[in-house]
Amino acid sequence: MKIAFFNKNLPSDQPNGVSIQVHYLANALVDLGHDVTCFSFSPPLLDSRYKVHTFSYGKTLFLFRKFIPAIKFRTIDCTKFDIVHYHGDDYLCKNCPTRVRTFYGSALMEAIHAATMARFFYQALFYLFEWISCFKPGKLIGISANTTRALPLVKEVIPCGVPLQVFCPDNSVRTSHPSILFLGGLLGRKRGNLMIKIFHQSILPRYPDCTLTIVGPQACSGPNIKYISKLEETELVRLYRSHWVYCQMSSYEGFGVPVLEAMACGTAVVAIRNAGAKEIVTDGLDGFCCTNEDIAERIVELIANRELRNHFYCNGLQTAGKYDMREAALLYEKEYRSLQCR
């Protein structure tokens, strides 16, 4: 099949959750024998096995830049493709019966968990655009049950995937001292500042040699804290493998792929009980899914108990195994063929 992907970013310059999923899925579909072209504002990655058509924002004012992808995507002649698959910004797209739209969470939940009023109103506007997308012809797919609750017209779920041939364990690189990994910003729903606070108040006093590695957009520093702004996939895998504990502090996640990546690399997971984490983590079986009040004690418990970490390691590998990106690609392929048969 000739498949068109639409997403404004790729991980080459914007390595966020959606862009990474788009990249992995496009590569997996190419491996299944499909011809995939991604329309984006980002350049291709070195390991892209799909074609990339790169748009330019030109001299558009920043205030209006958010609307440019939807305008540019509308200009593409979709009749040249068997399937057109939008990963966002399709509220202006022309009606197409072979259209697929994946919703990576919902702007409604992003608005509810917004840290500022400006972001609240911005996300509320895009929630309206999501509803416009829902009324267009084609197939609607959410990445989680939580997504379908915010967008009730979305009835089908295909979870995000992880390329398990890349994210896999290697215990030989594990640090000799206690170590914690956190991915995300310091502000907003990711709540990196809360992670730093817990680390300084509850972890370091008990384990003075423990380290916290933070990978995210805002720089930070402090005793035993290592900050990384941006890194390649191979380095991310190494970080997962080498740390004792991965912590997710988010108040909201549409799904929470880093939790799965950490599990796949054999790292014990502690996550706040947000909507996404609850669909992945079974508390006490393959990780801890806890509250703001008890997360510090759960991290300490994991650091102190090697047997418990190994328990999460074994069960986490089984959980991650259910989310192989190759399986996700097969599910999308099935949806594509069902549209062609209509």
C-alpha atoms as a PDB file:
ATOM      1  CA  MET A   1       0.000   0.000   0.000  1.00  0.00           C
ATOM      2  CA  LYS A   2       1.016   3.593  -0.564  1.00  0.00           C
ATOM      3  CA  ILE A   3       0.515   5.324   2.781  1.00  0.00           C
ATOM      4  CA  ALA A   4       0.740   9.032   3.569  1.00  0.00           C
ATOM      5  CA  PHE A   5       1.609  10.020   7.139  1.00  0.00           C
ATOM      6  CA  PHE A   6       0.908  13.537   8.382  1.00  0.00           C
ATOM      7  CA  ASN A   7       2.589  14.905  11.502  1.00  0.00           C
ATOM      8  CA  LYS A   8       4.135  18.322  11.934  1.00  0.00           C
ATOM      9  CA  ASN A   9       7.251  17.012  13.710  1.00  0.00           C
ATOM     10  CA  LEU A  10       9.712  14.149  13.544  1.00  0.00           C
ATOM     11  CA  PRO A  11      12.288  13.261  16.208  1.00  0.00           C
ATOM     12  CA  SER A  12      15.079  14.763  14.096  1.00  0.00           C
ATOM     13  CA  ASP A  13      14.316  18.166  15.613  1.00  0.00           C
ATOM     14  CA  GLN A  14      11.337  17.612  17.968  1.00  0.00           C
ATOM     15  CA  PRO A  15      11.807  14.292  19.823  1.00  0.00           C
ATOM     16  CA  ASN A  16       8.489  14.224  21.671  1.00  0.00           C
ATOM     17  CA  GLY A  17       6.132  11.323  22.335  1.00  0.00           C
ATOM     18  CA  VAL A  18       4.028  11.676  19.184  1.00  0.00           C
ATOM     19  CA  SER A  19       6.889  12.314  16.760  1.00  0.00           C
ATOM     20  CA  ILE A  20       8.804   9.285  18.050  1.00  0.00           C
ATOM     21  CA  GLN A  21       5.738   7.051  17.709  1.00  0.00           C
ATOM     22  CA  VAL A  22       5.177   8.295  14.148  1.00  0.00           C
ATOM     23  CA  HIS A  23       8.791   7.515  13.257  1.00  0.00           C
ATOM     24  CA  TYR A  24       8.713   4.011  14.767  1.00  0.00           C
ATOM     25  CA  LEU A  25       5.365   3.153  13.193  1.00  0.00           C
ATOM     26  CA  ALA A  26       6.384   4.417   9.744  1.00  0.00           C
ATOM     27  CA  ASN A  27       9.557   2.307   9.834  1.00  0.00           C
ATOM     28  CA  ALA A  28       7.600  -0.747  11.010  1.00  0.00           C
ATOM     29  CA  LEU A  29       5.098  -0.364   8.161  1.00  0.00           C
ATOM     30  CA  VAL A  30       7.945  -0.114   5.641  1.00  0.00           C
ATOM     31  CA  ASP A  31       9.346  -3.342   7.105  1.00  0.00           C
ATOM     32  CA  LEU A  32       5.955  -4.927   6.346  1.00  0.00           C
ATOM     33  CA  GLY A  33       6.410  -3.979   2.697  1.00  0.00           C
ATOM     34  CA  HIS A  34       4.440  -0.725   2.489  1.00  0.00           C
ATOM     35  CA  ASP A  35       5.470   2.519   0.774  1.00  0.00           C
ATOM     36  CA  VAL A  36       5.247   5.264   3.412  1.00  0.00           C
ATOM     37  CA  THR A  37       5.705   9.013   2.867  1.00  0.00           C
ATOM     38  CA  CYS A  38       5.641  11.313   5.871  1.00  0.00           C
ATOM     39  CA  PHE A  39       4.605  14.951   5.398  1.00  0.00           C
ATOM     40  CA  SER A  40       6.224  17.026   8.113  1.00  0.00           C
ATOM     41  CA  PHE A  41       8.077  20.223   8.956  1.00  0.00           C
ATOM     42  CA  SER A  42      11.090  18.232  10.155  1.00  0.00           C
ATOM     43  CA  PRO A  43      13.966  16.750   8.173  1.00  0.00           C
ATOM     44  CA  PRO A  44      14.281  12.937   7.928  1.00  0.00           C
ATOM     45  CA  LEU A  45      16.256  10.926  10.446  1.00  0.00           C
ATOM     46  CA  LEU A  46      19.308   8.933   9.423  1.00  0.00           C
ATOM     47  CA  ASP A  47      17.473   5.679  10.168  1.00  0.00           C
ATOM     48  CA  SER A  48      14.231   6.670   8.388  1.00  0.00           C
ATOM     49  CA  ARG A  49      13.225   3.860   6.057  1.00  0.00           C
ATOM     50  CA  TYR A  50      10.268   5.914   4.816  1.00  0.00           C
ATOM     51  CA  LYS A  51      10.260   8.954   2.549  1.00  0.00           C
ATOM     52  CA  VAL A  52       9.890  12.448   4.002  1.00  0.00           C
ATOM     53  CA  HIS A  53       8.330  15.514   2.376  1.00  0.00           C
ATOM     54  CA  THR A  54       9.464  18.530   4.386  1.00  0.00           C
ATOM     55  CA  PHE A  55       7.395  21.723   4.531  1.00  0.00           C
ATOM     56  CA  SER A  56       8.646  25.139   5.623  1.00  0.00           C
ATOM     57  CA  TYR A  57       6.920  27.573   7.957  1.00  0.00           C
ATOM     58  CA  GLY A  58       8.413  30.450   5.981  1.00  0.00           C
ATOM     59  CA  LYS A  59       8.126  33.851   7.625  1.00  0.00           C
ATOM     60  CA  THR A  60       4.874  33.103   9.417  1.00  0.00           C
ATOM     61  CA  LEU A  61       4.473  34.930  12.712  1.00  0.00           C
ATOM     62  CA  PHE A  62       4.920  32.642  15.711  1.00  0.00           C
ATOM     63  CA  LEU A  63       1.367  33.408  16.862  1.00  0.00           C
ATOM     64  CA  PHE A  64      -0.063  31.817  13.703  1.00  0.00           C
ATOM     65  CA  ARG A  65       2.508  29.050  13.267  1.00  0.00           C
ATOM     66  CA  LYS A  66       0.352  26.489  15.119  1.00  0.00           C
ATOM     67  CA  PHE A  67      -2.225  26.650  12.326  1.00  0.00           C
ATOM     68  CA  ILE A  68       0.217  26.290   9.406  1.00  0.00           C
ATOM     69  CA  PRO A  69       0.453  22.458   9.496  1.00  0.00           C
ATOM     70  CA  ALA A  70      -3.299  22.036   9.005  1.00  0.00           C
ATOM     71  CA  ILE A  71      -3.223  24.539   6.116  1.00  0.00           C
ATOM     72  CA  LYS A  72      -0.216  22.887   4.433  1.00  0.00           C
ATOM     73  CA  PHE A  73      -1.556  19.365   4.900  1.00  0.00           C
ATOM     74  CA  ARG A  74      -4.750  20.367   3.091  1.00  0.00           C
ATOM     75  CA  THR A  75      -2.747  21.145  -0.082  1.00  0.00           C
ATOM     76  CA  ILE A  76      -1.564  17.540  -0.545  1.00  0.00           C
ATOM     77  CA  ASP A  77      -3.262  15.488  -3.251  1.00  0.00           C
ATOM     78  CA  CYS A  78      -4.337  12.476  -1.207  1.00  0.00           C
ATOM     79  CA  THR A  79      -5.743  10.603  -4.238  1.00  0.00           C
ATOM     80  CA  LYS A  80      -2.178   9.435  -4.926  1.00  0.00           C
ATOM     81  CA  PHE A  81      -2.249   7.315  -1.769  1.00  0.00           C
ATOM     82  CA  ASP A  82      -4.184   4.213  -0.743  1.00  0.00           C
ATOM     83  CA  ILE A  83      -4.302   5.392   2.887  1.00  0.00           C
ATOM     84  CA  VAL A  84      -3.878   8.832   4.465  1.00  0.00           C
ATOM     85  CA  HIS A  85      -2.973   8.611   8.132  1.00  0.00           C
ATOM     86  CA  TYR A  86      -3.095  11.786  10.215  1.00  0.00           C
ATOM     87  CA  HIS A  87      -1.377  11.993  13.589  1.00  0.00           C
ATOM     88  CA  GLY A  88      -2.713  15.492  14.241  1.00  0.00           C
ATOM     89  CA  ASP A  89      -3.664  18.765  12.555  1.00  0.00           C
ATOM     90  CA  ASP A  90      -6.310  17.304  10.232  1.00  0.00           C
ATOM     91  CA  TYR A  91      -9.188  19.622  11.141  1.00  0.00           C
ATOM     92  CA  LEU A  92      -8.899  21.338   7.742  1.00  0.00           C
ATOM     93  CA  CYS A  93      -8.236  18.220   5.674  1.00  0.00           C
ATOM     94  CA  LYS A  94     -10.423  17.341   2.712  1.00  0.00           C
ATOM     95  CA  ASN A  95     -12.899  14.515   3.186  1.00  0.00           C
ATOM     96  CA  CYS A  96     -11.307  11.187   2.329  1.00  0.00           C
ATOM     97  CA  PRO A  97     -12.897   7.765   2.933  1.00  0.00           C
ATOM     98  CA  THR A  98      -9.483   6.095   3.386  1.00  0.00           C
ATOM     99  CA  ARG A  99      -8.439   8.478   6.162  1.00  0.00           C
ATOM    100  CA  VAL A 100      -7.127   7.248   9.512  1.00  0.00           C
ATOM    101  CA  ARG A 101      -6.745   9.594  12.471  1.00  0.00           C
ATOM    102  CA  THR A 102      -4.797   8.584  15.567  1.00  0.00           C
ATOM    103  CA  PHE A 103      -5.451  10.573  18.752  1.00  0.00           C
ATOM    104  CA  TYR A 104      -2.497  10.543  21.142  1.00  0.00           C
ATOM    105  CA  GLY A 105      -4.464  11.403  24.255  1.00  0.00           C
ATOM    106  CA  SER A 106      -6.703  14.450  24.186  1.00  0.00           C
ATOM    107  CA  ALA A 107      -6.294  18.212  24.373  1.00  0.00           C
ATOM    108  CA  LEU A 108      -9.110  18.201  26.949  1.00  0.00           C
ATOM    109  CA  MET A 109      -6.910  16.433  29.500  1.00  0.00           C
ATOM    110  CA  GLU A 110      -3.967  18.601  28.513  1.00  0.00           C
ATOM    111  CA  ALA A 111      -6.144  21.651  29.279  1.00  0.00           C
ATOM    112  CA  ILE A 112      -7.286  20.266  32.627  1.00  0.00           C
ATOM    113  CA  HIS A 113      -3.671  19.681  33.667  1.00  0.00           C
ATOM    114  CA  ALA A 114      -2.306  22.915  32.171  1.00  0.00           C
ATOM    115  CA  ALA A 115       0.064  24.888  34.381  1.00  0.00           C
ATOM    116  CA  THR A 116      -0.950  28.303  32.986  1.00  0.00           C
ATOM    117  CA  MET A 117      -4.154  29.913  31.754  1.00  0.00           C
ATOM    118  CA  ALA A 118      -2.564  30.558  28.358  1.00  0.00           C
ATOM    119  CA  ARG A 119      -1.879  26.846  27.885  1.00  0.00           C
ATOM    120  CA  PHE A 120      -5.375  26.014  29.164  1.00  0.00           C
ATOM    121  CA  PHE A 121      -7.048  28.154  26.494  1.00  0.00           C
ATOM    122  CA  TYR A 122      -4.650  26.909  23.813  1.00  0.00           C
ATOM    123  CA  GLN A 123      -5.451  23.259  24.583  1.00  0.00           C
ATOM    124  CA  ALA A 124      -9.172  24.010  24.874  1.00  0.00           C
ATOM    125  CA  LEU A 125      -9.091  25.429  21.335  1.00  0.00           C
ATOM    126  CA  PHE A 126      -7.403  22.312  20.010  1.00  0.00           C
ATOM    127  CA  TYR A 127      -9.934  20.127  21.819  1.00  0.00           C
ATOM    128  CA  LEU A 128     -12.522  21.813  19.610  1.00  0.00           C
ATOM    129  CA  PHE A 129     -10.378  20.970  16.580  1.00  0.00           C
ATOM    130  CA  GLU A 130     -10.229  17.336  17.744  1.00  0.00           C
ATOM    131  CA  TRP A 131     -14.027  17.205  17.680  1.00  0.00           C
ATOM    132  CA  ILE A 132     -14.024  18.610  14.151  1.00  0.00           C
ATOM    133  CA  SER A 133     -11.634  15.791  13.195  1.00  0.00           C
ATOM    134  CA  CYS A 134     -13.987  13.231  14.734  1.00  0.00           C
ATOM    135  CA  PHE A 135     -16.815  14.194  12.373  1.00  0.00           C
ATOM    136  CA  LYS A 136     -14.745  13.721   9.209  1.00  0.00           C
ATOM    137  CA  PRO A 137     -14.965  10.443   7.227  1.00  0.00           C
ATOM    138  CA  GLY A 138     -12.591   7.609   7.963  1.00  0.00           C
ATOM    139  CA  LYS A 139     -11.305   5.585  10.900  1.00  0.00           C
ATOM    140  CA  LEU A 140     -10.762   7.078  14.371  1.00  0.00           C
ATOM    141  CA  ILE A 141      -8.232   5.392  16.664  1.00  0.00           C
ATOM    142  CA  GLY A 142      -7.133   6.266  20.189  1.00  0.00           C
ATOM    143  CA  ILE A 143      -3.954   5.130  21.908  1.00  0.00           C
ATOM    144  CA  SER A 144      -5.694   4.325  25.202  1.00  0.00           C
ATOM    145  CA  ALA A 145      -9.056   3.855  26.881  1.00  0.00           C
ATOM    146  CA  ASN A 146      -8.466   7.214  28.521  1.00  0.00           C
ATOM    147  CA  THR A 147      -8.358   8.814  25.063  1.00  0.00           C
ATOM    148  CA  THR A 148     -11.738   7.359  24.146  1.00  0.00           C
ATOM    149  CA  ARG A 149     -13.303   8.738  27.327  1.00  0.00           C
ATOM    150  CA  ALA A 150     -12.295  12.279  26.368  1.00  0.00           C
ATOM    151  CA  LEU A 151     -13.364  11.714  22.734  1.00  0.00           C
ATOM    152  CA  PRO A 152     -16.383   9.347  22.858  1.00  0.00           C
ATOM    153  CA  LEU A 153     -16.695   9.139  19.058  1.00  0.00           C
ATOM    154  CA  VAL A 154     -13.343   7.316  19.055  1.00  0.00           C
ATOM    155  CA  LYS A 155     -14.283   3.674  19.562  1.00  0.00           C
ATOM    156  CA  GLU A 156     -11.129   1.745  18.678  1.00  0.00           C
ATOM    157  CA  VAL A 157      -7.840   1.570  20.558  1.00  0.00           C
ATOM    158  CA  ILE A 158      -4.394   0.651  19.255  1.00  0.00           C
ATOM    159  CA  PRO A 159      -1.840   1.254  22.023  1.00  0.00           C
ATOM    160  CA  CYS A 160       1.502   2.879  21.356  1.00  0.00           C
ATOM    161  CA  GLY A 161       4.376   0.537  20.663  1.00  0.00           C
ATOM    162  CA  VAL A 162       8.049   0.108  21.466  1.00  0.00           C
ATOM    163  CA  PRO A 163      10.650  -1.349  19.074  1.00  0.00           C
ATOM    164  CA  LEU A 164      11.694  -4.225  21.334  1.00  0.00           C
ATOM    165  CA  GLN A 165      14.653  -5.054  19.117  1.00  0.00           C
ATOM    166  CA  VAL A 166      16.104  -1.695  20.243  1.00  0.00           C
ATOM    167  CA  PHE A 167      14.796  -1.365  23.807  1.00  0.00           C
ATOM    168  CA  CYS A 168      16.060  -4.510  25.523  1.00  0.00           C
ATOM    169  CA  PRO A 169      17.955  -5.217  28.766  1.00  0.00           C
ATOM    170  CA  ASP A 170      21.675  -5.353  29.437  1.00  0.00           C
ATOM    171  CA  ASN A 171      22.361  -5.681  33.152  1.00  0.00           C
ATOM    172  CA  SER A 172      26.112  -5.404  32.657  1.00  0.00           C
ATOM    173  CA  VAL A 173      25.867  -1.609  32.395  1.00  0.00           C
ATOM    174  CA  ARG A 174      23.841  -1.096  35.601  1.00  0.00           C
ATOM    175  CA  THR A 175      25.402   1.475  37.952  1.00  0.00           C
ATOM    176  CA  SER A 176      27.050   0.175  41.114  1.00  0.00           C
ATOM    177  CA  HIS A 177      25.324   2.903  43.161  1.00  0.00           C
ATOM    178  CA  PRO A 178      21.587   3.708  43.441  1.00  0.00           C
ATOM    179  CA  SER A 179      20.412   5.696  40.414  1.00  0.00           C
ATOM    180  CA  ILE A 180      17.134   7.270  39.309  1.00  0.00           C
ATOM    181  CA  LEU A 181      16.139   8.380  35.804  1.00  0.00           C
ATOM    182  CA  PHE A 182      13.510  11.005  34.977  1.00  0.00           C
ATOM    183  CA  LEU A 183      12.397  12.166  31.503  1.00  0.00           C
ATOM    184  CA  GLY A 184      10.436  15.395  31.033  1.00  0.00           C
ATOM    185  CA  GLY A 185      10.197  19.068  31.804  1.00  0.00           C
ATOM    186  CA  LEU A 186      10.463  20.655  35.219  1.00  0.00           C
ATOM    187  CA  LEU A 187       7.196  22.567  34.859  1.00  0.00           C
ATOM    188  CA  GLY A 188       3.673  21.670  33.796  1.00  0.00           C
ATOM    189  CA  ARG A 189       2.202  18.182  33.976  1.00  0.00           C
ATOM    190  CA  LYS A 190       5.580  16.394  33.799  1.00  0.00           C
ATOM    191  CA  ARG A 191       6.464  17.858  37.238  1.00  0.00           C
ATOM    192  CA  GLY A 192      10.221  17.492  37.181  1.00  0.00           C
ATOM    193  CA  ASN A 193      10.518  19.994  40.030  1.00  0.00           C
ATOM    194  CA  LEU A 194       8.555  17.602  42.235  1.00  0.00           C
ATOM    195  CA  MET A 195      11.021  14.856  41.330  1.00  0.00           C
ATOM    196  CA  ILE A 196      13.933  17.074  42.364  1.00  0.00           C
ATOM    197  CA  LYS A 197      12.204  17.974  45.627  1.00  0.00           C
ATOM    198  CA  ILE A 198      11.564  14.322  46.508  1.00  0.00           C
ATOM    199  CA  PHE A 199      15.136  13.425  45.582  1.00  0.00           C
ATOM    200  CA  HIS A 200      16.652  16.055  47.862  1.00  0.00           C
ATOM    201  CA  GLN A 201      14.251  15.628  50.777  1.00  0.00           C
ATOM    202  CA  SER A 202      13.598  11.884  50.831  1.00  0.00           C
ATOM    203  CA  ILE A 203      16.214  10.013  48.794  1.00  0.00           C
ATOM    204  CA  LEU A 204      19.598  11.673  49.330  1.00  0.00           C
ATOM    205  CA  PRO A 205      19.372  11.749  53.154  1.00  0.00           C
ATOM    206  CA  ARG A 206      19.030   7.937  53.125  1.00  0.00           C
ATOM    207  CA  TYR A 207      21.279   7.195  50.139  1.00  0.00           C
ATOM    208  CA  PRO A 208      23.956   9.907  49.840  1.00  0.00           C
ATOM    209  CA  ASP A 209      25.541   8.170  46.833  1.00  0.00           C
ATOM    210  CA  CYS A 210      22.277   8.030  44.858  1.00  0.00           C
ATOM    211  CA  THR A 211      22.185   9.985  41.581  1.00  0.00           C
ATOM    212  CA  LEU A 212      19.300  11.523  39.654  1.00  0.00           C
ATOM    213  CA  THR A 213      19.567  11.907  35.874  1.00  0.00           C
ATOM    214  CA  ILE A 214      17.092  14.322  34.300  1.00  0.00           C
ATOM    215  CA  VAL A 215      16.534  14.452  30.541  1.00  0.00           C
ATOM    216  CA  GLY A 216      14.376  17.380  29.490  1.00  0.00           C
ATOM    217  CA  PRO A 217      14.034  20.850  27.999  1.00  0.00           C
ATOM    218  CA  GLN A 218      14.772  22.931  31.125  1.00  0.00           C
ATOM    219  CA  ALA A 219      18.256  22.968  32.620  1.00  0.00           C
ATOM    220  CA  CYS A 220      18.670  22.094  36.281  1.00  0.00           C
ATOM    221  CA  SER A 221      21.432  21.358  38.734  1.00  0.00           C
ATOM    222  CA  GLY A 222      22.011  20.327  42.324  1.00  0.00           C
ATOM    223  CA  PRO A 223      23.793  17.743  44.476  1.00  0.00           C
ATOM    224  CA  ASN A 224      24.059  14.389  42.665  1.00  0.00           C
ATOM    225  CA  ILE A 225      21.896  15.630  39.754  1.00  0.00           C
ATOM    226  CA  LYS A 226      22.983  15.137  36.156  1.00  0.00           C
ATOM    227  CA  TYR A 227      21.109  17.081  33.485  1.00  0.00           C
ATOM    228  CA  ILE A 228      20.935  16.145  29.794  1.00  0.00           C
ATOM    229  CA  SER A 229      19.083  18.356  27.330  1.00  0.00           C
ATOM    230  CA  LYS A 230      18.942  16.078  24.293  1.00  0.00           C
ATOM    231  CA  LEU A 231      20.261  12.648  23.396  1.00  0.00           C
ATOM    232  CA  GLU A 232      20.284  10.026  20.680  1.00  0.00           C
ATOM    233  CA  GLU A 233      18.211   6.854  20.868  1.00  0.00           C
ATOM    234  CA  THR A 234      21.226   4.651  21.642  1.00  0.00           C
ATOM    235  CA  GLU A 235      22.145   6.881  24.578  1.00  0.00           C
ATOM    236  CA  LEU A 236      18.551   6.815  25.865  1.00  0.00           C
ATOM    237  CA  VAL A 237      18.600   3.013  25.801  1.00  0.00           C
ATOM    238  CA  ARG A 238      21.895   3.050  27.707  1.00  0.00           C
ATOM    239  CA  LEU A 239      20.387   5.347  30.348  1.00  0.00           C
ATOM    240  CA  TYR A 240      17.390   3.063  30.850  1.00  0.00           C
ATOM    241  CA  ARG A 241      19.632   0.020  31.154  1.00  0.00           C
ATOM    242  CA  SER A 242      22.072   1.613  33.573  1.00  0.00           C
ATOM    243  CA  HIS A 243      19.622   3.088  36.111  1.00  0.00           C
ATOM    244  CA  TRP A 244      18.012   1.243  38.990  1.00  0.00           C
ATOM    245  CA  VAL A 245      14.686   3.086  38.908  1.00  0.00           C
ATOM    246  CA  TYR A 246      12.710   5.027  36.306  1.00  0.00           C
ATOM    247  CA  CYS A 247      10.279   7.593  37.756  1.00  0.00           C
ATOM    248  CA  GLN A 248       7.296   9.117  35.994  1.00  0.00           C
ATOM    249  CA  MET A 249       5.874  12.056  37.949  1.00  0.00           C
ATOM    250  CA  SER A 250       3.282  13.274  35.411  1.00  0.00           C
ATOM    251  CA  SER A 251      -0.142  14.361  36.598  1.00  0.00           C
ATOM    252  CA  TYR A 252      -1.436  13.237  33.181  1.00  0.00           C
ATOM    253  CA  GLU A 253      -0.213  11.025  30.347  1.00  0.00           C
ATOM    254  CA  GLY A 254      -2.257   9.934  27.364  1.00  0.00           C
ATOM    255  CA  PHE A 255      -0.370   6.657  27.506  1.00  0.00           C
ATOM    256  CA  GLY A 256       3.183   6.856  28.868  1.00  0.00           C
ATOM    257  CA  VAL A 257       5.605   5.189  26.441  1.00  0.00           C
ATOM    258  CA  PRO A 258       8.741   5.836  28.586  1.00  0.00           C
ATOM    259  CA  VAL A 259       7.278   3.508  31.216  1.00  0.00           C
ATOM    260  CA  LEU A 260       7.228   0.721  28.614  1.00  0.00           C
ATOM    261  CA  GLU A 261      10.689   1.621  27.313  1.00  0.00           C
ATOM    262  CA  ALA A 262      12.076   1.401  30.855  1.00  0.00           C
ATOM    263  CA  MET A 263      10.391  -1.963  31.436  1.00  0.00           C
ATOM    264  CA  ALA A 264      11.718  -3.283  28.129  1.00  0.00           C
ATOM    265  CA  CYS A 265      15.245  -2.295  29.214  1.00  0.00           C
ATOM    266  CA  GLY A 266      14.892  -4.072  32.560  1.00  0.00           C
ATOM    267  CA  THR A 267      14.498  -0.993  34.746  1.00  0.00           C
ATOM    268  CA  ALA A 268      12.121  -0.933  37.714  1.00  0.00           C
ATOM    269  CA  VAL A 269       9.314   1.617  37.292  1.00  0.00           C
ATOM    270  CA  VAL A 270       7.630   3.945  39.763  1.00  0.00           C
ATOM    271  CA  ALA A 271       4.811   6.082  38.347  1.00  0.00           C
ATOM    272  CA  ILE A 272       2.223   8.467  39.678  1.00  0.00           C
ATOM    273  CA  ARG A 273      -1.228   6.946  39.228  1.00  0.00           C
ATOM    274  CA  ASN A 274      -2.202   9.012  36.198  1.00  0.00           C
ATOM    275  CA  ALA A 275      -4.581   7.965  33.427  1.00  0.00           C
ATOM    276  CA  GLY A 276      -1.868   6.558  31.181  1.00  0.00           C
ATOM    277  CA  ALA A 277       0.151   4.770  33.855  1.00  0.00           C
ATOM    278  CA  LYS A 278      -2.928   2.964  35.164  1.00  0.00           C
ATOM    279  CA  GLU A 279      -3.373   1.295  31.765  1.00  0.00           C
ATOM    280  CA  ILE A 280       0.200  -0.041  31.758  1.00  0.00           C
ATOM    281  CA  VAL A 281       1.407  -0.612  35.323  1.00  0.00           C
ATOM    282  CA  THR A 282      -0.133  -3.242  37.600  1.00  0.00           C
ATOM    283  CA  ASP A 283       0.777  -1.940  41.039  1.00  0.00           C
ATOM    284  CA  GLY A 284       3.106  -4.287  42.892  1.00  0.00           C
ATOM    285  CA  LEU A 285       3.419  -6.707  39.954  1.00  0.00           C
ATOM    286  CA  ASP A 286       5.480  -4.970  37.251  1.00  0.00           C
ATOM    287  CA  GLY A 287       6.019  -1.592  38.936  1.00  0.00           C
ATOM    288  CA  PHE A 288       4.622   0.803  41.491  1.00  0.00           C
ATOM    289  CA  CYS A 289       1.615   2.950  40.552  1.00  0.00           C
ATOM    290  CA  CYS A 290       1.261   5.326  43.466  1.00  0.00           C
ATOM    291  CA  THR A 291       0.113   8.695  44.791  1.00  0.00           C
ATOM    292  CA  ASN A 292       1.956  11.953  45.444  1.00  0.00           C
ATOM    293  CA  GLU A 293       2.006  11.061  49.128  1.00  0.00           C
ATOM    294  CA  ASP A 294       3.645   7.628  48.894  1.00  0.00           C
ATOM    295  CA  ILE A 295       5.882   7.845  45.831  1.00  0.00           C
ATOM    296  CA  ALA A 296       8.967   8.827  47.847  1.00  0.00           C
ATOM    297  CA  GLU A 297       8.626   5.762  50.066  1.00  0.00           C
ATOM    298  CA  ARG A 298       8.106   3.530  47.039  1.00  0.00           C
ATOM    299  CA  ILE A 299      11.334   4.795  45.466  1.00  0.00           C
ATOM    300  CA  VAL A 300      13.188   4.166  48.726  1.00  0.00           C
ATOM    301  CA  GLU A 301      11.638   0.701  48.940  1.00  0.00           C
ATOM    302  CA  LEU A 302      12.898  -0.172  45.466  1.00  0.00           C
ATOM    303  CA  ILE A 303      16.391   1.128  46.128  1.00  0.00           C
ATOM    304  CA  ALA A 304      16.588  -0.900  49.341  1.00  0.00           C
ATOM    305  CA  ASN A 305      15.168  -4.141  47.932  1.00  0.00           C
ATOM    306  CA  ARG A 306      17.127  -5.784  45.135  1.00  0.00           C
ATOM    307  CA  GLU A 307      14.768  -8.766  45.087  1.00  0.00           C
ATOM    308  CA  LEU A 308      11.815  -6.444  44.470  1.00  0.00           C
ATOM    309  CA  ARG A 309      13.684  -4.719  41.631  1.00  0.00           C
ATOM    310  CA  ASN A 310      14.338  -8.107  40.051  1.00  0.00           C
ATOM    311  CA  HIS A 311      10.657  -8.994  40.476  1.00  0.00           C
ATOM    312  CA  PHE A 312       9.656  -5.849  38.584  1.00  0.00           C
ATOM    313  CA  TYR A 313      12.392  -6.544  36.048  1.00  0.00           C
ATOM    314  CA  CYS A 314      10.989  -9.972  35.114  1.00  0.00           C
ATOM    315  CA  ASN A 315       7.338  -8.956  35.095  1.00  0.00           C
ATOM    316  CA  GLY A 316       8.089  -5.656  33.371  1.00  0.00           C
ATOM    317  CA  LEU A 317       9.694  -7.491  30.458  1.00  0.00           C
ATOM    318  CA  GLN A 318       6.496  -9.506  30.046  1.00  0.00           C
ATOM    319  CA  THR A 319       4.365  -6.356  30.125  1.00  0.00           C
ATOM    320  CA  ALA A 320       6.560  -4.559  27.586  1.00  0.00           C
ATOM    321  CA  GLY A 321       6.403  -7.629  25.357  1.00  0.00           C
ATOM    322  CA  LYS A 322       2.696  -6.955  24.788  1.00  0.00           C
ATOM    323  CA  TYR A 323       3.492  -3.611  23.155  1.00  0.00           C
ATOM    324  CA  ASP A 324       5.930  -4.501  20.385  1.00  0.00           C
ATOM    325  CA  MET A 325       5.793  -1.849  17.654  1.00  0.00           C
ATOM    326  CA  ARG A 326       5.673  -4.598  15.037  1.00  0.00           C
ATOM    327  CA  GLU A 327       2.368  -5.782  16.512  1.00  0.00           C
ATOM    328  CA  ALA A 328       1.014  -2.226  16.490  1.00  0.00           C
ATOM    329  CA  ALA A 329       1.953  -1.947  12.815  1.00  0.00           C
ATOM    330  CA  LEU A 330       0.065  -5.166  12.051  1.00  0.00           C
ATOM    331  CA  LEU A 331      -3.029  -3.809  13.807  1.00  0.00           C
ATOM    332  CA  TYR A 332      -2.860  -0.608  11.752  1.00  0.00           C
ATOM    333  CA  GLU A 333      -2.356  -2.656   8.592  1.00  0.00           C
ATOM    334  CA  LYS A 334      -5.580  -4.523   9.402  1.00  0.00           C
ATOM    335  CA  GLU A 335      -7.422  -1.204   9.820  1.00  0.00           C
ATOM    336  CA  TYR A 336      -6.023   0.066   6.520  1.00  0.00           C
ATOM    337  CA  ARG A 337      -7.240  -3.016   4.666  1.00  0.00           C
ATOM    338  CA  SER A 338     -10.705  -2.726   6.221  1.00  0.00           C
ATOM    339  CA  LEU A 339     -10.973   0.823   4.805  1.00  0.00           C
ATOM    340  CA  GLN A 340      -9.927  -0.360   1.357  1.00  0.00           C
ATOM    341  CA  CYS A 341     -12.611  -3.044   1.395  1.00  0.00           C
ATOM    342  CA  ARG A 342     -15.456  -0.579   1.997  1.00  0.00           C
END
